[in-house]
Amino acid sequence: MLKATVVGNVWATRRIDGLPSGALLEVEVDSGTRLVALDVLGTGIGEHVLVATGSVAASYFPTPHPPIDALVIGAIDDISGPRDTTALDDSPATDVPYASSATPMKEQI
């Protein structure tokens, strides 16, 4: 599981039939690496999220498992204890709607 920040949307006007409904987001993990993750929770730009990768991400969905390599599995509300404060900015994001609800968002295509 990776801790990441949503940095952008990825728009794909054509998708394979087996790809589940959800938004494709560009996320940046704490190491600075960026990747594209499927988001079924409805998180937005600037939010801090947990991302599952590899076969674990695909196995969340029923068989046959879709070709998903990264999946947003949670929105981070808070982190307690000692940490590297450069990884997460604790200031509130004023332009990001609150999206901790587990209700899937509508497909963006």
N, C-alpha and C. Protein backbone atom coordinates (compact mmCIF):
# COMPACT_ATOMS: atom_id res chain seq x y z
N MET A 1 0.86 -1.16 0.00
CA MET A 1 0.00 0.00 0.00
C MET A 1 0.90 1.23 0.00
N LEU A 2 0.51 2.21 -0.82
CA LEU A 2 1.29 3.43 -0.95
C LEU A 2 0.47 4.63 -0.48
N LYS A 3 1.16 5.60 0.12
CA LYS A 3 0.54 6.88 0.47
C LYS A 3 0.85 7.83 -0.66
N ALA A 4 -0.18 8.51 -1.19
CA ALA A 4 0.02 9.37 -2.36
C ALA A 4 -0.89 10.59 -2.29
N THR A 5 -0.63 11.54 -3.18
CA THR A 5 -1.45 12.73 -3.33
C THR A 5 -1.98 12.77 -4.76
N VAL A 6 -3.27 13.05 -4.89
CA VAL A 6 -3.86 13.15 -6.23
C VAL A 6 -3.39 14.47 -6.85
N VAL A 7 -2.76 14.38 -8.03
CA VAL A 7 -2.21 15.57 -8.68
C VAL A 7 -2.90 15.91 -9.99
N GLY A 8 -3.75 15.02 -10.49
CA GLY A 8 -4.43 15.34 -11.74
C GLY A 8 -5.40 14.26 -12.18
N ASN A 9 -6.19 14.60 -13.18
CA ASN A 9 -7.12 13.66 -13.81
C ASN A 9 -6.50 13.15 -15.10
N VAL A 10 -6.81 11.92 -15.45
CA VAL A 10 -6.38 11.35 -16.72
C VAL A 10 -7.65 11.02 -17.49
N TRP A 11 -7.79 11.62 -18.65
CA TRP A 11 -9.00 11.42 -19.45
C TRP A 11 -8.73 10.42 -20.54
N ALA A 12 -9.54 9.37 -20.60
CA ALA A 12 -9.43 8.35 -21.63
C ALA A 12 -10.79 8.21 -22.29
N THR A 13 -10.93 8.69 -23.50
CA THR A 13 -12.23 8.66 -24.16
C THR A 13 -12.57 7.26 -24.67
N ARG A 14 -11.56 6.41 -24.80
CA ARG A 14 -11.80 5.03 -25.21
C ARG A 14 -11.19 4.12 -24.16
N ARG A 15 -11.96 3.13 -23.71
CA ARG A 15 -11.49 2.17 -22.73
C ARG A 15 -11.91 0.77 -23.17
N ILE A 16 -11.19 -0.23 -22.69
CA ILE A 16 -11.60 -1.60 -22.97
C ILE A 16 -12.86 -1.91 -22.17
N ASP A 17 -13.63 -2.88 -22.63
CA ASP A 17 -14.89 -3.21 -21.98
C ASP A 17 -14.73 -3.69 -20.54
N GLY A 18 -13.66 -4.35 -20.23
CA GLY A 18 -13.48 -4.92 -18.89
C GLY A 18 -13.03 -3.95 -17.83
N LEU A 19 -12.77 -2.69 -18.19
CA LEU A 19 -12.31 -1.72 -17.21
C LEU A 19 -13.49 -1.22 -16.38
N PRO A 20 -13.43 -1.33 -15.05
CA PRO A 20 -14.55 -0.91 -14.21
C PRO A 20 -14.80 0.60 -14.30
N SER A 21 -16.01 0.99 -13.92
CA SER A 21 -16.34 2.42 -13.87
C SER A 21 -15.54 3.09 -12.77
N GLY A 22 -15.09 4.29 -13.05
CA GLY A 22 -14.32 5.06 -12.08
C GLY A 22 -13.46 6.07 -12.80
N ALA A 23 -12.89 6.96 -12.04
CA ALA A 23 -12.02 7.98 -12.60
C ALA A 23 -10.58 7.48 -12.65
N LEU A 24 -9.86 7.89 -13.67
CA LEU A 24 -8.43 7.64 -13.73
C LEU A 24 -7.74 8.88 -13.21
N LEU A 25 -6.91 8.71 -12.18
CA LEU A 25 -6.23 9.84 -11.55
C LEU A 25 -4.73 9.66 -11.62
N GLU A 26 -4.03 10.78 -11.77
CA GLU A 26 -2.58 10.75 -11.63
C GLU A 26 -2.28 11.04 -10.17
N VAL A 27 -1.54 10.14 -9.54
CA VAL A 27 -1.18 10.31 -8.13
C VAL A 27 0.34 10.34 -8.01
N GLU A 28 0.81 11.08 -7.02
CA GLU A 28 2.25 11.14 -6.76
C GLU A 28 2.51 10.54 -5.39
N VAL A 29 3.31 9.47 -5.36
CA VAL A 29 3.65 8.83 -4.09
C VAL A 29 4.73 9.64 -3.39
N ASP A 30 4.95 9.35 -2.12
CA ASP A 30 5.88 10.13 -1.32
C ASP A 30 7.29 10.20 -1.89
N SER A 31 7.70 9.18 -2.64
CA SER A 31 9.04 9.17 -3.24
C SER A 31 9.15 10.12 -4.43
N GLY A 32 8.00 10.66 -4.89
CA GLY A 32 8.01 11.55 -6.05
C GLY A 32 7.58 10.87 -7.34
N THR A 33 7.46 9.56 -7.32
CA THR A 33 7.02 8.81 -8.50
C THR A 33 5.55 9.07 -8.75
N ARG A 34 5.19 9.22 -10.01
CA ARG A 34 3.79 9.41 -10.38
C ARG A 34 3.28 8.17 -11.10
N LEU A 35 2.01 7.86 -10.85
CA LEU A 35 1.37 6.74 -11.52
C LEU A 35 -0.11 7.03 -11.71
N VAL A 36 -0.73 6.25 -12.58
CA VAL A 36 -2.16 6.40 -12.83
C VAL A 36 -2.89 5.33 -12.03
N ALA A 37 -3.91 5.76 -11.27
CA ALA A 37 -4.68 4.84 -10.44
C ALA A 37 -6.16 4.99 -10.74
N LEU A 38 -6.87 3.88 -10.69
CA LEU A 38 -8.32 3.91 -10.83
C LEU A 38 -8.92 4.32 -9.49
N ASP A 39 -9.86 5.24 -9.52
CA ASP A 39 -10.50 5.73 -8.30
C ASP A 39 -12.00 5.48 -8.36
N VAL A 40 -12.50 4.64 -7.47
CA VAL A 40 -13.94 4.38 -7.40
C VAL A 40 -14.56 5.08 -6.20
N LEU A 41 -13.74 5.85 -5.44
CA LEU A 41 -14.23 6.52 -4.24
C LEU A 41 -14.69 7.95 -4.48
N GLY A 42 -14.18 8.58 -5.52
CA GLY A 42 -14.55 9.96 -5.80
C GLY A 42 -13.62 10.98 -5.18
N THR A 43 -12.35 10.65 -5.01
CA THR A 43 -11.40 11.62 -4.46
C THR A 43 -11.05 12.66 -5.51
N GLY A 44 -10.45 13.76 -5.07
CA GLY A 44 -10.15 14.84 -5.99
C GLY A 44 -8.72 15.34 -5.87
N ILE A 45 -8.37 16.24 -6.74
CA ILE A 45 -7.02 16.81 -6.78
C ILE A 45 -6.70 17.45 -5.44
N GLY A 46 -5.50 17.14 -4.95
CA GLY A 46 -5.03 17.68 -3.68
C GLY A 46 -5.28 16.75 -2.50
N GLU A 47 -6.12 15.75 -2.67
CA GLU A 47 -6.40 14.84 -1.56
C GLU A 47 -5.29 13.82 -1.40
N HIS A 48 -5.08 13.41 -0.15
CA HIS A 48 -4.11 12.38 0.17
C HIS A 48 -4.84 11.05 0.23
N VAL A 49 -4.28 10.04 -0.44
CA VAL A 49 -4.97 8.76 -0.60
C VAL A 49 -4.04 7.59 -0.32
N LEU A 50 -4.66 6.42 -0.13
CA LEU A 50 -3.94 5.16 -0.05
C LEU A 50 -4.17 4.42 -1.36
N VAL A 51 -3.11 3.86 -1.92
CA VAL A 51 -3.19 3.20 -3.22
C VAL A 51 -2.65 1.77 -3.08
N ALA A 52 -3.45 0.81 -3.53
CA ALA A 52 -3.00 -0.58 -3.63
C ALA A 52 -2.48 -0.79 -5.04
N THR A 53 -1.43 -1.57 -5.18
CA THR A 53 -0.84 -1.79 -6.50
C THR A 53 -0.70 -3.27 -6.80
N GLY A 54 -0.48 -3.56 -8.07
CA GLY A 54 -0.24 -4.93 -8.51
C GLY A 54 -1.49 -5.77 -8.50
N SER A 55 -1.31 -7.07 -8.29
CA SER A 55 -2.43 -8.00 -8.35
C SER A 55 -3.47 -7.74 -7.27
N VAL A 56 -3.07 -7.14 -6.16
CA VAL A 56 -4.01 -6.80 -5.09
C VAL A 56 -5.05 -5.81 -5.61
N ALA A 57 -4.63 -4.85 -6.41
CA ALA A 57 -5.55 -3.85 -6.96
C ALA A 57 -6.58 -4.52 -7.87
N ALA A 58 -6.14 -5.39 -8.72
CA ALA A 58 -7.05 -6.06 -9.66
C ALA A 58 -7.97 -7.04 -8.94
N SER A 59 -7.48 -7.69 -7.89
CA SER A 59 -8.28 -8.72 -7.23
C SER A 59 -9.42 -8.13 -6.39
N TYR A 60 -9.47 -6.83 -6.23
CA TYR A 60 -10.61 -6.18 -5.56
C TYR A 60 -11.89 -6.42 -6.36
N PHE A 61 -11.76 -6.51 -7.66
CA PHE A 61 -12.90 -6.68 -8.56
C PHE A 61 -13.18 -8.16 -8.80
N PRO A 62 -14.43 -8.49 -9.16
CA PRO A 62 -14.77 -9.90 -9.41
C PRO A 62 -14.02 -10.47 -10.61
N THR A 63 -13.97 -11.79 -10.65
CA THR A 63 -13.34 -12.50 -11.76
C THR A 63 -14.20 -12.38 -13.00
N PRO A 64 -13.65 -12.20 -14.17
CA PRO A 64 -12.22 -12.09 -14.45
C PRO A 64 -11.70 -10.72 -14.02
N HIS A 65 -10.55 -10.72 -13.36
CA HIS A 65 -9.98 -9.48 -12.84
C HIS A 65 -9.59 -8.55 -13.98
N PRO A 66 -9.94 -7.26 -13.86
CA PRO A 66 -9.60 -6.30 -14.91
C PRO A 66 -8.10 -5.97 -14.89
N PRO A 67 -7.60 -5.39 -15.96
CA PRO A 67 -6.18 -5.03 -16.03
C PRO A 67 -5.90 -3.73 -15.27
N ILE A 68 -6.05 -3.78 -13.95
CA ILE A 68 -5.82 -2.62 -13.08
C ILE A 68 -4.52 -2.86 -12.32
N ASP A 69 -3.61 -1.91 -12.36
CA ASP A 69 -2.34 -2.04 -11.65
C ASP A 69 -2.28 -1.17 -10.41
N ALA A 70 -3.16 -0.14 -10.31
CA ALA A 70 -3.17 0.74 -9.14
C ALA A 70 -4.61 1.16 -8.86
N LEU A 71 -5.02 1.08 -7.59
CA LEU A 71 -6.39 1.37 -7.20
C LEU A 71 -6.40 2.22 -5.93
N VAL A 72 -7.12 3.35 -5.96
CA VAL A 72 -7.29 4.16 -4.76
C VAL A 72 -8.22 3.40 -3.85
N ILE A 73 -7.74 3.06 -2.63
CA ILE A 73 -8.53 2.26 -1.71
C ILE A 73 -8.96 3.03 -0.47
N GLY A 74 -8.48 4.26 -0.32
CA GLY A 74 -8.88 5.05 0.83
C GLY A 74 -8.45 6.49 0.71
N ALA A 75 -9.22 7.38 1.36
CA ALA A 75 -8.86 8.80 1.45
C ALA A 75 -8.32 9.03 2.85
N ILE A 76 -7.14 9.62 2.95
CA ILE A 76 -6.51 9.84 4.25
C ILE A 76 -7.10 11.09 4.89
N ASP A 77 -7.65 10.92 6.09
CA ASP A 77 -8.19 12.05 6.85
C ASP A 77 -7.13 12.69 7.73
N ASP A 78 -6.27 11.86 8.35
CA ASP A 78 -5.28 12.36 9.28
C ASP A 78 -4.22 11.29 9.49
N ILE A 79 -3.02 11.73 9.85
CA ILE A 79 -1.94 10.83 10.22
C ILE A 79 -1.40 11.32 11.55
N SER A 80 -1.33 10.45 12.54
CA SER A 80 -0.81 10.86 13.84
C SER A 80 0.55 10.23 14.07
N GLY A 81 1.31 10.84 14.94
CA GLY A 81 2.63 10.35 15.26
C GLY A 81 3.70 11.05 14.45
N PRO A 82 4.97 10.76 14.76
CA PRO A 82 6.07 11.40 14.04
C PRO A 82 6.05 11.02 12.56
N ARG A 83 6.35 12.00 11.73
CA ARG A 83 6.40 11.74 10.30
C ARG A 83 7.20 12.82 9.61
N ASP A 84 7.53 12.58 8.37
CA ASP A 84 8.20 13.56 7.53
C ASP A 84 7.14 14.56 7.07
N THR A 85 7.19 15.78 7.58
CA THR A 85 6.14 16.76 7.28
C THR A 85 6.23 17.31 5.87
N THR A 86 7.28 16.98 5.13
CA THR A 86 7.35 17.44 3.74
C THR A 86 6.47 16.58 2.84
N ALA A 87 6.08 15.39 3.31
CA ALA A 87 5.30 14.49 2.47
C ALA A 87 3.84 14.90 2.37
N LEU A 88 3.27 15.42 3.45
CA LEU A 88 1.87 15.83 3.44
C LEU A 88 1.76 17.25 3.94
N ASP A 89 1.06 18.06 3.21
CA ASP A 89 0.79 19.43 3.60
C ASP A 89 -0.51 19.43 4.40
N ASP A 90 -0.47 19.84 5.66
CA ASP A 90 -1.65 19.77 6.52
C ASP A 90 -2.62 20.92 6.30
N SER A 91 -2.28 21.89 5.45
CA SER A 91 -3.21 22.99 5.23
C SER A 91 -4.43 22.48 4.48
N PRO A 92 -5.61 22.99 4.82
CA PRO A 92 -6.81 22.51 4.13
C PRO A 92 -6.82 22.91 2.67
N ALA A 93 -7.29 22.02 1.84
CA ALA A 93 -7.43 22.31 0.41
C ALA A 93 -8.77 23.00 0.21
N THR A 94 -8.74 24.26 -0.16
CA THR A 94 -9.98 25.03 -0.27
C THR A 94 -10.72 24.77 -1.57
N ASP A 95 -10.01 24.26 -2.58
CA ASP A 95 -10.67 24.06 -3.87
C ASP A 95 -11.04 22.60 -4.14
N VAL A 96 -10.89 21.74 -3.13
CA VAL A 96 -11.18 20.33 -3.31
C VAL A 96 -12.41 19.97 -2.48
N PRO A 97 -13.46 19.44 -3.10
CA PRO A 97 -14.64 19.06 -2.33
C PRO A 97 -14.32 17.89 -1.41
N TYR A 98 -14.94 17.87 -0.25
CA TYR A 98 -14.75 16.79 0.69
C TYR A 98 -15.27 15.51 0.08
N ALA A 99 -14.43 14.47 0.03
CA ALA A 99 -14.83 13.25 -0.67
C ALA A 99 -14.43 12.00 0.09
N SER A 100 -14.70 11.95 1.38
CA SER A 100 -14.34 10.74 2.12
C SER A 100 -15.45 9.70 2.03
N SER A 101 -16.53 10.02 1.37
CA SER A 101 -17.63 9.07 1.20
C SER A 101 -17.18 7.91 0.34
N ALA A 102 -17.64 6.74 0.65
CA ALA A 102 -17.28 5.56 -0.12
C ALA A 102 -18.21 5.35 -1.31
N THR A 103 -19.01 6.34 -1.64
CA THR A 103 -19.91 6.23 -2.78
C THR A 103 -19.12 6.39 -4.07
N PRO A 104 -19.19 5.42 -4.98
CA PRO A 104 -18.45 5.55 -6.23
C PRO A 104 -18.94 6.74 -7.05
N MET A 105 -18.00 7.40 -7.71
CA MET A 105 -18.40 8.54 -8.55
C MET A 105 -18.76 8.06 -9.93
N LYS A 106 -19.48 8.89 -10.65
CA LYS A 106 -19.88 8.54 -12.01
C LYS A 106 -18.66 8.54 -12.92
N GLU A 107 -18.69 7.72 -13.90
CA GLU A 107 -17.61 7.63 -14.86
C GLU A 107 -17.44 8.97 -15.58
N GLN A 108 -16.19 9.38 -15.79
CA GLN A 108 -15.91 10.68 -16.36
C GLN A 108 -15.80 10.66 -17.88
N ILE A 109 -16.14 9.59 -18.51
CA ILE A 109 -16.05 9.56 -19.97
C ILE A 109 -17.42 9.45 -20.59
